[in-house]
Amino acid sequence: MAVSSQLKMLKRARVRKERRLPTPGTVLVNEGDSVRPETVIARADYVKGNPYIVDLGSELGFKPDPSQVERIVLKKAGDAVKAGEVIGRYQKSFWEPLKEITSPVDGRIEFVSKIRASIIIREDPRSAKPLSIVAVASRLRIFPRLIRAYTTVKEGDQVFEGKIIAAAPSLGGLEYVYAPTSGVVEKICPRTGTVTIVRPIKATTVVAGITGKVISVIPDEGAIVEGVGTFVQGVFGIGGEHNGVLRIIADGPASIVGREDIPDDVAGQILVGGAFVTADALEKAKSSGARGFITGGASNLDIVQFLGTEISAGVTGVEDVDFTLILLEGFGVMPISASTWEILREREGAPTFVDGSTQLRAGVIRPEIIVCSDESGGEEALPLVETTREGAMVETREIAPGDRVRCVMAPYFGLWGTVEEVPAEPERVESGAVLQVARVRLDDGKLVTVAEANLEVWS
C-alpha cells in the first residue's frame, strides 16, 4: 500500500472558503455580495483573554506549602472552568468552616504553582469583561478608607498581570494583592476599598482573502465566500494568512535563492523561488515588504533562524511573524515539480492568497496558495475545493502501473516518477528489509526500485 496524496494542484477550480471571526462580532456583508481579497467580511471589538492569577495565600489568609496546595486545588492544568466554579477547598479541622476558592472568570487552567501557591487561569476572550475590580480592602482585611495607604499604584498607572498593587503587614510578614490582569488603573475607591483596572479593547477583522461572492452568511461570525482561481497545496508552512501579487524571482524550479536574488521592489508581493531559499533571503524579502515566499524546500535550521525560535511541533500558522513561508516539496534542496512551476509561472502578476497554517498530526491541514482569477464562464464544470480547519485523515490505496508518484524517503526523497511495474512478491530493499516494492521510472530516466510505503501517489 502507498500513501494517497491529499495535496491538490488545480490550475482552475471553484474555491470555497469559510471566513470566521475568532469571537462573535458584526458581519458586514450579505449573501450575493461581490468581494475582493481586501473586503472586510466581519469585525469584532473584544477584550483579549489575559491570564488571571488566583493567589491562594490571599484567598485563604495564609500561604499553603506545596503539599497543602496539592490537596487544596481541585483542578489540573488544561481543565476548563466557569466563573464562580469551585477550583479549590480548604478546611483546617473538622470544626473549622470550609473555605472554597472559585474561578474569577470563564477560561482554562494554564498552570498550578505549588511553590508560589497560585493558580493561573487563561481567560476565555468570548466572556472577557472590559473592567476588573479588585477587592483590595477585604483581601488585606483593612478599612476601605485606608486603601491608599496600602496600594503601590495610583490612578493612570499601567499594570501587568501578576504585578503587586497593594500590600499590608500580616502575622507571617507581608500580605500582597496582585493585579489579576493587564490594563490601566482607573480608580482607587476608599468607599468600597477596591481598585478598578480597565483592560484594553482589541479590534479584529476577517477579510475575504479571495475574489468571489458571498454564498452564505454565518450570523455573528462571518461568511462563506466562493471564487475561481488556481489552487495549490504545500507540505509545510509558517506564518498564517497574507495577500499579495504573485511574482516569480527564480530562474527555474531548481534554483537556489539567496539574499542577492531578492529584488528591492517586492513590497506587497508573494514571491516564488526555486528548490531552496536561505534565511538571509527570507529576512531581506520580509524587511523589503514582501508578504510571503513560496519555495520547493528550505532548511529547518534556516527557518528557525528566520523565526528566532523553534518551530511549533504539530501545528503552525500562529508564529509571531508578519510573513508567510510555504514549502511545496519538503525540507532540504527540493526542486518545485514541473507542473506546479508552470501553473504558478502562468499566473504571475495575479492577486494571491497564502496561508502557512499546517497541522501534521491526525486531521492533517496543509498550507495553501490561491491565485485569484476574474475570468468567468464554465464555473459549474470546475472541481470544487472547500477549505476547512477540520483537516483530513491520511488515506492509503493500492499502487498500479502508470501512477504518478513522489518518493518520500531517502535515497530518492523528493524525486518524481511514474510506476512501471508492481512485483507480486515482496523484495529485499537497500535497507535489508523485505517489503512490497514498485519499479519507478524517475523523471531523469533512471529506473529504481522503491518500497511502496515510501511512495506518495498523485491522482
Protein backbone atom coordinates (compact mmCIF):
# COMPACT_ATOMS: atom_id res chain seq x y z
CA MET A 1 0.00 0.00 0.00
CA ALA A 2 1.18 3.55 -0.73
CA VAL A 3 0.09 6.85 0.74
CA SER A 4 -2.54 8.54 -1.43
CA SER A 5 -1.53 12.17 -1.66
CA GLN A 6 -4.05 14.63 -0.24
CA LEU A 7 -2.22 17.58 -1.81
CA LYS A 8 -4.13 19.37 -4.55
CA MET A 9 -2.77 21.17 -7.62
CA LEU A 10 -5.61 22.62 -9.68
CA LYS A 11 -4.98 25.12 -12.45
CA ARG A 12 -8.61 26.29 -12.33
CA ALA A 13 -11.13 25.43 -9.65
CA ARG A 14 -14.02 26.78 -7.62
CA VAL A 15 -12.62 27.58 -4.19
CA ARG A 16 -14.98 27.87 -1.24
CA LYS A 17 -13.59 29.40 1.95
CA GLU A 18 -15.15 29.79 5.38
CA ARG A 19 -14.18 33.18 6.84
CA ARG A 20 -14.90 33.39 10.59
CA LEU A 21 -14.04 35.74 13.43
CA PRO A 22 -12.27 34.24 16.47
CA THR A 23 -15.03 35.70 18.65
CA PRO A 24 -18.64 36.81 17.93
CA GLY A 25 -18.96 40.19 16.21
CA THR A 26 -20.73 42.05 13.39
CA VAL A 27 -20.99 40.61 9.86
CA LEU A 28 -20.57 43.38 7.26
CA VAL A 29 -21.59 41.54 4.06
CA ASN A 30 -24.76 39.98 2.69
CA GLU A 31 -25.41 36.85 0.68
CA GLY A 32 -24.72 37.53 -3.00
CA ASP A 33 -22.26 40.38 -2.40
CA SER A 34 -19.18 40.50 -4.63
CA VAL A 35 -15.93 40.65 -2.67
CA ARG A 36 -12.26 41.36 -3.32
CA PRO A 37 -9.38 39.91 -1.26
CA GLU A 38 -9.27 43.03 0.94
CA THR A 39 -13.06 43.18 1.56
CA VAL A 40 -13.80 43.10 5.30
CA ILE A 41 -16.27 40.27 5.97
CA ALA A 42 -16.80 40.80 9.71
CA ARG A 43 -15.47 42.81 12.63
CA ALA A 44 -15.37 42.38 16.40
CA ASP A 45 -14.19 44.54 19.28
CA TYR A 46 -13.25 42.32 22.17
CA VAL A 47 -11.20 42.20 25.32
CA LYS A 48 -8.18 39.95 24.96
CA GLY A 49 -8.30 36.94 27.26
CA ASN A 50 -5.44 37.54 29.69
CA PRO A 51 -4.06 35.23 32.37
CA TYR A 52 -5.74 35.60 35.76
CA ILE A 53 -3.67 34.82 38.85
CA VAL A 54 -5.54 33.31 41.79
CA ASP A 55 -3.31 33.76 44.85
CA LEU A 56 -4.14 31.01 47.36
CA GLY A 57 -2.43 32.94 50.16
CA SER A 58 -4.74 35.93 49.69
CA GLU A 59 -7.80 33.73 49.37
CA LEU A 60 -7.10 31.62 52.47
CA GLY A 61 -5.36 34.14 54.71
CA PHE A 62 -2.11 32.13 54.84
CA LYS A 63 0.34 30.77 52.30
CA PRO A 64 -0.03 26.99 51.98
CA ASP A 65 3.06 24.83 51.45
CA PRO A 66 3.44 22.70 48.27
CA SER A 67 1.91 19.59 49.87
CA GLN A 68 -1.10 21.60 51.01
CA VAL A 69 -1.51 23.16 47.55
CA GLU A 70 -1.73 19.67 46.08
CA ARG A 71 -4.62 18.81 48.43
CA ILE A 72 -6.39 22.18 48.12
CA VAL A 73 -6.50 22.58 44.32
CA LEU A 74 -9.27 20.53 42.69
CA LYS A 75 -8.33 21.23 39.08
CA LYS A 76 -5.30 20.49 36.94
CA ALA A 77 -3.61 22.29 34.04
CA GLY A 78 -5.77 22.13 30.93
CA ASP A 79 -9.13 21.91 32.72
CA ALA A 80 -11.88 24.28 31.54
CA VAL A 81 -13.56 26.33 34.28
CA LYS A 82 -16.52 28.69 34.56
CA ALA A 83 -16.72 31.94 36.53
CA GLY A 84 -17.75 31.07 40.09
CA GLU A 85 -16.81 27.40 39.75
CA VAL A 86 -15.04 25.93 42.78
CA ILE A 87 -11.39 25.27 41.95
CA GLY A 88 -10.09 24.70 45.48
CA ARG A 89 -11.24 23.78 49.01
CA TYR A 90 -9.56 24.02 52.42
CA GLN A 91 -10.68 23.06 55.92
CA LYS A 92 -8.17 23.38 58.75
CA SER A 93 -10.04 20.96 61.02
CA PHE A 94 -13.42 19.31 61.33
CA TRP A 95 -14.74 22.15 63.47
CA GLU A 96 -13.43 24.92 61.23
CA PRO A 97 -15.55 26.34 58.38
CA LEU A 98 -14.87 25.05 54.88
CA LYS A 99 -13.26 27.66 52.62
CA GLU A 100 -13.91 27.48 48.89
CA ILE A 101 -11.83 29.16 46.17
CA THR A 102 -13.70 29.97 42.96
CA SER A 103 -12.60 30.91 39.47
CA PRO A 104 -12.97 34.65 38.78
CA VAL A 105 -13.53 34.08 35.04
CA ASP A 106 -14.51 31.61 32.35
CA GLY A 107 -11.37 30.07 30.94
CA ARG A 108 -8.85 27.26 31.24
CA ILE A 109 -6.36 26.35 33.96
CA GLU A 110 -2.96 27.17 32.49
CA PHE A 111 -0.64 26.40 35.42
CA VAL A 112 -0.73 25.47 39.11
CA SER A 113 2.34 26.67 41.04
CA LYS A 114 2.91 24.70 44.23
CA ILE A 115 5.89 26.87 45.19
CA ARG A 116 4.08 30.20 44.79
CA ALA A 117 0.72 28.76 45.88
CA SER A 118 -1.10 30.24 42.90
CA ILE A 119 -3.31 29.18 40.00
CA ILE A 120 -3.04 30.81 36.56
CA ILE A 121 -6.27 30.82 34.54
CA ARG A 122 -6.26 31.85 30.86
CA GLU A 123 -9.48 33.78 30.37
CA ASP A 124 -11.81 32.91 27.51
CA PRO A 125 -11.89 36.10 25.35
CA ARG A 126 -15.54 35.45 24.47
CA SER A 127 -16.56 36.19 28.05
CA ALA A 128 -13.85 38.72 28.95
CA LYS A 129 -15.04 41.90 30.67
CA PRO A 130 -13.52 45.35 29.99
CA LEU A 131 -13.17 46.04 33.74
CA SER A 132 -11.52 44.13 36.55
CA ILE A 133 -12.46 45.23 40.08
CA VAL A 134 -10.05 44.00 42.77
CA ALA A 135 -11.36 43.87 46.36
CA VAL A 136 -8.14 45.06 48.00
CA ALA A 137 -9.55 46.06 51.42
CA SER A 138 -11.29 42.75 52.06
CA ARG A 139 -8.29 40.72 50.96
CA LEU A 140 -5.90 42.66 53.21
CA ARG A 141 -8.51 42.93 55.99
CA ILE A 142 -8.15 46.73 56.24
CA PHE A 143 -10.64 49.59 56.47
CA PRO A 144 -11.68 50.68 52.94
CA ARG A 145 -10.95 54.36 53.67
CA LEU A 146 -7.29 53.46 54.34
CA ILE A 147 -6.78 51.74 50.97
CA ARG A 148 -4.48 54.43 49.53
CA ALA A 149 -2.01 53.85 52.37
CA TYR A 150 -1.54 50.27 51.21
CA THR A 151 -1.68 50.49 47.41
CA THR A 152 1.55 50.51 45.41
CA VAL A 153 -0.09 52.04 42.32
CA LYS A 154 -2.05 55.19 41.53
CA GLU A 155 -4.73 56.15 39.04
CA GLY A 156 -3.39 56.19 35.49
CA ASP A 157 -0.65 53.62 36.12
CA GLN A 158 -0.30 50.79 33.62
CA VAL A 159 -0.06 47.39 35.28
CA PHE A 160 0.60 43.86 34.07
CA GLU A 161 -0.92 40.66 35.36
CA GLY A 162 0.93 39.50 38.48
CA LYS A 163 2.15 42.97 39.49
CA ILE A 164 1.78 43.80 43.20
CA ILE A 165 -0.85 46.55 43.53
CA ALA A 166 -1.22 46.55 47.33
CA ALA A 167 0.45 45.11 50.44
CA ALA A 168 -0.16 45.08 54.20
CA PRO A 169 1.59 43.56 57.26
CA SER A 170 0.28 40.22 58.49
CA LEU A 171 1.31 37.63 61.07
CA GLY A 172 3.57 35.90 58.58
CA GLY A 173 5.15 39.09 57.22
CA LEU A 174 3.62 41.00 54.31
CA GLU A 175 0.42 40.03 52.53
CA TYR A 176 0.15 41.02 48.88
CA VAL A 177 -2.61 41.69 46.37
CA TYR A 178 -1.68 41.14 42.72
CA ALA A 179 -3.16 42.61 39.54
CA PRO A 180 -5.25 39.76 38.11
CA THR A 181 -4.91 41.14 34.59
CA SER A 182 -3.11 43.75 32.49
CA GLY A 183 -4.57 47.23 32.00
CA VAL A 184 -4.67 50.77 33.38
CA VAL A 185 -5.64 51.65 36.97
CA GLU A 186 -8.77 53.74 36.52
CA LYS A 187 -9.92 54.19 40.11
CA ILE A 188 -8.87 53.53 43.70
CA CYS A 189 -12.08 53.77 45.74
CA PRO A 190 -11.84 54.48 49.52
CA ARG A 191 -15.58 53.91 49.87
CA THR A 192 -15.60 50.33 48.58
CA GLY A 193 -11.93 49.51 49.16
CA THR A 194 -11.46 48.41 45.56
CA VAL A 195 -9.04 49.05 42.69
CA THR A 196 -10.55 49.18 39.19
CA ILE A 197 -8.35 48.13 36.27
CA VAL A 198 -9.54 48.97 32.74
CA ARG A 199 -8.47 46.47 30.14
CA PRO A 200 -7.61 47.41 26.52
CA ILE A 201 -10.18 46.52 23.88
CA LYS A 202 -8.79 44.84 20.77
CA ALA A 203 -10.38 45.22 17.34
CA THR A 204 -10.17 42.28 14.95
CA THR A 205 -11.42 41.80 11.41
CA VAL A 206 -11.57 38.97 8.91
CA VAL A 207 -11.23 39.71 5.18
CA ALA A 208 -12.42 37.70 2.19
CA GLY A 209 -8.89 36.75 1.12
CA ILE A 210 -10.04 35.86 -2.39
CA THR A 211 -12.05 37.39 -5.24
CA GLY A 212 -15.56 35.98 -5.44
CA LYS A 213 -19.06 36.12 -3.99
CA VAL A 214 -20.63 35.58 -0.59
CA ILE A 215 -22.70 32.40 -0.90
CA SER A 216 -23.92 32.33 2.70
CA VAL A 217 -23.65 34.33 5.92
CA ILE A 218 -22.73 32.84 9.30
CA PRO A 219 -24.62 35.02 11.83
CA ASP A 220 -22.35 36.96 14.22
CA GLU A 221 -19.26 35.14 12.92
CA GLY A 222 -18.56 35.61 9.22
CA ALA A 223 -19.46 34.21 5.82
CA ILE A 224 -18.65 31.58 3.23
CA VAL A 225 -17.01 33.02 0.11
CA GLU A 226 -16.64 31.26 -3.24
CA GLY A 227 -14.38 32.27 -6.11
CA VAL A 228 -12.50 30.88 -9.10
CA GLY A 229 -8.74 30.51 -9.18
CA THR A 230 -5.66 28.34 -9.11
CA PHE A 231 -5.37 26.16 -6.00
CA VAL A 232 -2.06 24.65 -4.84
CA GLN A 233 -1.23 22.99 -1.52
CA GLY A 234 2.21 22.66 0.04
CA VAL A 235 3.66 20.21 2.55
CA PHE A 236 4.69 22.68 5.26
CA GLY A 237 4.29 26.35 6.09
CA ILE A 238 4.54 29.04 8.75
CA GLY A 239 3.05 32.48 9.26
CA GLY A 240 -0.71 32.33 8.78
CA GLU A 241 -2.62 34.30 6.12
CA HIS A 242 -1.40 37.03 3.75
CA ASN A 243 -2.39 38.52 0.40
CA GLY A 244 -0.18 39.94 -2.34
CA VAL A 245 0.68 39.94 -6.04
CA LEU A 246 2.38 36.76 -7.30
CA ARG A 247 5.93 37.26 -8.60
CA ILE A 248 8.47 34.71 -9.86
CA ILE A 249 12.03 35.65 -8.84
CA ALA A 250 13.87 32.37 -9.53
CA ASP A 251 15.32 31.36 -12.90
CA GLY A 252 13.75 27.93 -12.67
CA PRO A 253 12.24 25.30 -10.34
CA ALA A 254 15.69 24.02 -9.32
CA SER A 255 17.22 27.43 -8.50
CA ILE A 256 18.79 28.27 -5.14
CA VAL A 257 17.60 31.69 -3.91
CA GLY A 258 19.99 33.74 -1.78
CA ARG A 259 19.88 37.26 -0.40
CA GLU A 260 21.34 38.72 -3.59
CA ASP A 261 18.45 37.24 -5.62
CA ILE A 262 15.76 39.22 -3.76
CA PRO A 263 14.86 42.42 -5.67
CA ASP A 264 14.36 45.65 -3.74
CA ASP A 265 10.87 46.33 -5.14
CA VAL A 266 8.99 43.39 -3.60
CA ALA A 267 6.65 45.26 -1.23
CA GLY A 268 3.17 43.72 -1.18
CA GLN A 269 4.21 40.69 -3.24
CA ILE A 270 4.10 36.90 -2.80
CA LEU A 271 7.46 35.66 -4.11
CA VAL A 272 8.10 32.31 -5.80
CA GLY A 273 11.59 30.82 -5.56
CA GLY A 274 13.02 27.51 -6.69
CA ALA A 275 14.45 24.47 -4.92
CA PHE A 276 15.81 26.26 -1.84
CA VAL A 277 15.76 29.62 -0.05
CA THR A 278 18.23 30.80 2.60
CA ALA A 279 17.45 32.52 5.90
CA ASP A 280 19.17 35.70 4.66
CA ALA A 281 16.95 35.74 1.58
CA LEU A 282 13.82 35.34 3.70
CA GLU A 283 14.93 38.13 6.01
CA LYS A 284 15.57 40.50 3.10
CA ALA A 285 12.23 39.63 1.48
CA LYS A 286 10.39 40.33 4.74
CA SER A 287 12.27 43.56 5.50
CA SER A 288 11.62 44.76 1.93
CA GLY A 289 7.88 44.40 2.40
CA ALA A 290 7.13 41.05 0.74
CA ARG A 291 4.07 39.32 2.20
CA GLY A 292 5.13 35.74 1.61
CA PHE A 293 7.53 33.30 -0.05
CA ILE A 294 6.80 30.04 -1.91
CA THR A 295 9.68 27.60 -2.35
CA GLY A 296 10.32 23.95 -3.10
CA GLY A 297 12.42 23.44 0.01
CA ALA A 298 14.25 25.10 2.86
CA SER A 299 16.42 24.14 5.81
CA ASN A 300 14.81 23.62 9.20
CA LEU A 301 17.78 25.48 10.72
CA ASP A 302 17.25 28.44 8.36
CA ILE A 303 13.56 28.61 9.26
CA VAL A 304 14.40 28.59 12.99
CA GLN A 305 16.99 31.34 12.37
CA PHE A 306 14.43 33.38 10.43
CA LEU A 307 11.77 32.99 13.13
CA GLY A 308 14.15 33.43 16.04
CA THR A 309 12.54 30.47 17.79
CA GLU A 310 11.93 26.74 17.37
CA ILE A 311 9.11 25.67 15.07
CA SER A 312 5.99 24.62 16.95
CA ALA A 313 5.60 20.83 16.92
CA GLY A 314 2.49 19.57 15.14
CA VAL A 315 0.70 22.88 14.44
CA THR A 316 1.96 26.05 12.72
CA GLY A 317 0.43 29.29 11.49
CA VAL A 318 0.42 31.08 14.85
CA GLU A 319 4.03 32.29 14.75
CA ASP A 320 4.70 35.92 15.65
CA VAL A 321 5.96 36.83 12.18
CA ASP A 322 4.21 39.10 9.66
CA PHE A 323 5.14 36.85 6.74
CA THR A 324 4.11 33.52 5.20
CA LEU A 325 6.52 30.80 4.08
CA ILE A 326 5.27 27.74 2.18
CA LEU A 327 7.37 24.69 1.26
CA LEU A 328 5.85 22.90 -1.73
CA GLU A 329 8.05 19.80 -1.66
CA GLY A 330 9.77 19.40 1.72
CA PHE A 331 12.89 20.15 3.75
CA GLY A 332 16.26 20.40 2.04
CA VAL A 333 17.06 21.26 -1.58
CA MET A 334 13.79 20.26 -3.27
CA PRO A 335 13.05 21.41 -6.84
CA ILE A 336 9.46 22.51 -7.41
CA SER A 337 7.61 19.99 -9.59
CA ALA A 338 7.46 21.00 -13.25
CA SER A 339 3.65 21.05 -13.30
CA THR A 340 3.39 23.29 -10.24
CA TRP A 341 6.09 25.61 -11.57
CA GLU A 342 4.27 26.05 -14.87
CA ILE A 343 0.95 26.71 -13.11
CA LEU A 344 2.49 29.44 -10.94
CA ARG A 345 4.54 30.94 -13.80
CA GLU A 346 1.43 31.34 -15.95
CA ARG A 347 -0.38 33.18 -13.13
CA GLU A 348 2.43 35.65 -12.33
CA GLY A 349 1.04 39.11 -11.56
CA ALA A 350 -2.31 37.88 -10.22
CA PRO A 351 -3.63 38.65 -6.71
CA THR A 352 -2.74 35.72 -4.46
CA PHE A 353 -3.80 34.42 -1.05
CA VAL A 354 -1.40 32.29 1.02
CA ASP A 355 -1.93 30.53 4.34
CA GLY A 356 1.01 28.79 6.01
CA SER A 357 -1.10 27.03 8.66
CA THR A 358 -0.01 23.39 8.90
CA GLN A 359 -1.16 20.52 11.10
CA LEU A 360 0.98 17.40 10.89
CA ARG A 361 -0.89 15.12 13.26
CA ALA A 362 -4.27 13.38 12.86
CA GLY A 363 -6.57 15.60 10.85
CA VAL A 364 -3.88 16.93 8.51
CA ILE A 365 -4.11 20.60 7.45
CA ARG A 366 -1.94 21.73 4.54
CA PRO A 367 -0.64 25.22 3.69
CA GLU A 368 -2.43 26.62 0.67
CA ILE A 369 -1.99 29.02 -2.22
CA ILE A 370 -4.99 30.52 -4.04
CA VAL A 371 -4.25 32.61 -7.13
CA CYS A 372 -7.42 34.59 -7.81
CA SER A 373 -9.00 34.87 -11.26
CA ASP A 374 -11.52 37.35 -12.69
CA GLU A 375 -12.34 35.06 -15.62
CA SER A 376 -15.97 33.96 -15.81
CA GLY A 377 -17.77 31.17 -17.58
CA GLY A 378 -17.91 27.41 -17.08
CA GLU A 379 -17.65 27.62 -13.29
CA GLU A 380 -20.19 24.85 -12.71
CA ALA A 381 -17.97 22.36 -14.55
CA LEU A 382 -14.93 23.17 -12.42
CA PRO A 383 -13.84 20.99 -9.48
CA LEU A 384 -14.93 22.38 -6.09
CA VAL A 385 -12.38 22.81 -3.30
CA GLU A 386 -13.70 23.53 0.20
CA THR A 387 -11.06 24.61 2.69
CA THR A 388 -11.79 23.99 6.36
CA ARG A 389 -9.93 23.75 9.65
CA GLU A 390 -11.02 20.18 10.28
CA GLY A 391 -8.24 18.62 8.22
CA ALA A 392 -8.22 15.18 6.61
CA MET A 393 -7.02 11.75 7.66
CA VAL A 394 -4.20 10.12 5.68
CA GLU A 395 -5.51 7.57 3.15
CA THR A 396 -3.75 4.62 1.51
CA ARG A 397 -4.52 2.72 -1.69
CA GLU A 398 -3.14 0.02 -3.95
CA ILE A 399 -0.44 1.23 -6.31
CA ALA A 400 -0.65 0.46 -10.06
CA PRO A 401 1.46 0.87 -13.22
CA GLY A 402 1.07 4.35 -14.67
CA ASP A 403 0.59 6.06 -11.30
CA ARG A 404 2.37 9.36 -10.87
CA VAL A 405 4.37 9.14 -7.62
CA ARG A 406 6.77 11.09 -5.44
CA CYS A 407 9.42 9.41 -3.28
CA VAL A 408 9.10 10.46 0.36
CA MET A 409 12.17 8.77 1.88
CA ALA A 410 15.92 8.66 1.12
CA PRO A 411 17.77 7.92 -1.11
CA TYR A 412 15.24 9.26 -3.64
CA PHE A 413 13.45 11.70 -1.33
CA GLY A 414 11.57 14.39 -3.26
CA LEU A 415 12.08 12.84 -6.71
CA TRP A 416 9.13 12.31 -9.05
CA GLY A 417 8.46 9.43 -11.38
CA THR A 418 5.97 7.01 -12.94
CA VAL A 419 5.28 3.45 -11.79
CA GLU A 420 6.24 0.91 -14.48
CA GLU A 421 5.87 -2.37 -12.59
CA VAL A 422 4.47 -3.65 -9.29
CA PRO A 423 6.03 -7.06 -8.43
CA ALA A 424 3.57 -9.51 -6.86
CA GLU A 425 6.07 -10.78 -4.29
CA PRO A 426 7.96 -8.73 -1.66
CA GLU A 427 11.63 -7.98 -2.41
CA ARG A 428 14.67 -7.06 -0.36
CA VAL A 429 15.38 -3.32 -0.47
CA GLU A 430 18.62 -1.39 0.19
CA SER A 431 18.00 -1.29 3.96
CA GLY A 432 17.86 -5.10 4.07
CA ALA A 433 14.14 -5.29 4.83
CA VAL A 434 11.81 -7.43 2.69
CA LEU A 435 8.90 -5.24 1.53
CA GLN A 436 6.33 -4.73 -1.19
CA VAL A 437 8.05 -2.62 -3.87
CA ALA A 438 7.43 -0.83 -7.14
CA ARG A 439 9.64 -0.15 -10.16
CA VAL A 440 9.60 3.59 -10.76
CA ARG A 441 10.94 5.44 -13.80
CA LEU A 442 12.20 8.72 -12.35
CA ASP A 443 11.82 11.92 -14.36
CA ASP A 444 15.57 11.85 -15.08
CA GLY A 445 15.10 8.49 -16.86
CA LYS A 446 16.59 6.28 -14.15
CA LEU A 447 14.67 3.10 -13.22
CA VAL A 448 14.70 2.44 -9.47
CA THR A 449 13.09 0.02 -7.03
CA VAL A 450 11.30 1.73 -4.14
CA ALA A 451 9.31 0.35 -1.21
CA GLU A 452 5.60 1.09 -1.69
CA ALA A 453 5.47 2.61 1.80
CA ASN A 454 7.99 5.22 0.63
CA LEU A 455 5.83 6.44 -2.25
CA GLU A 456 3.15 9.12 -2.36
CA VAL A 457 0.61 8.58 -5.14
CA TRP A 458 -0.81 11.55 -7.03
CA SER A 459 -4.15 11.02 -8.70
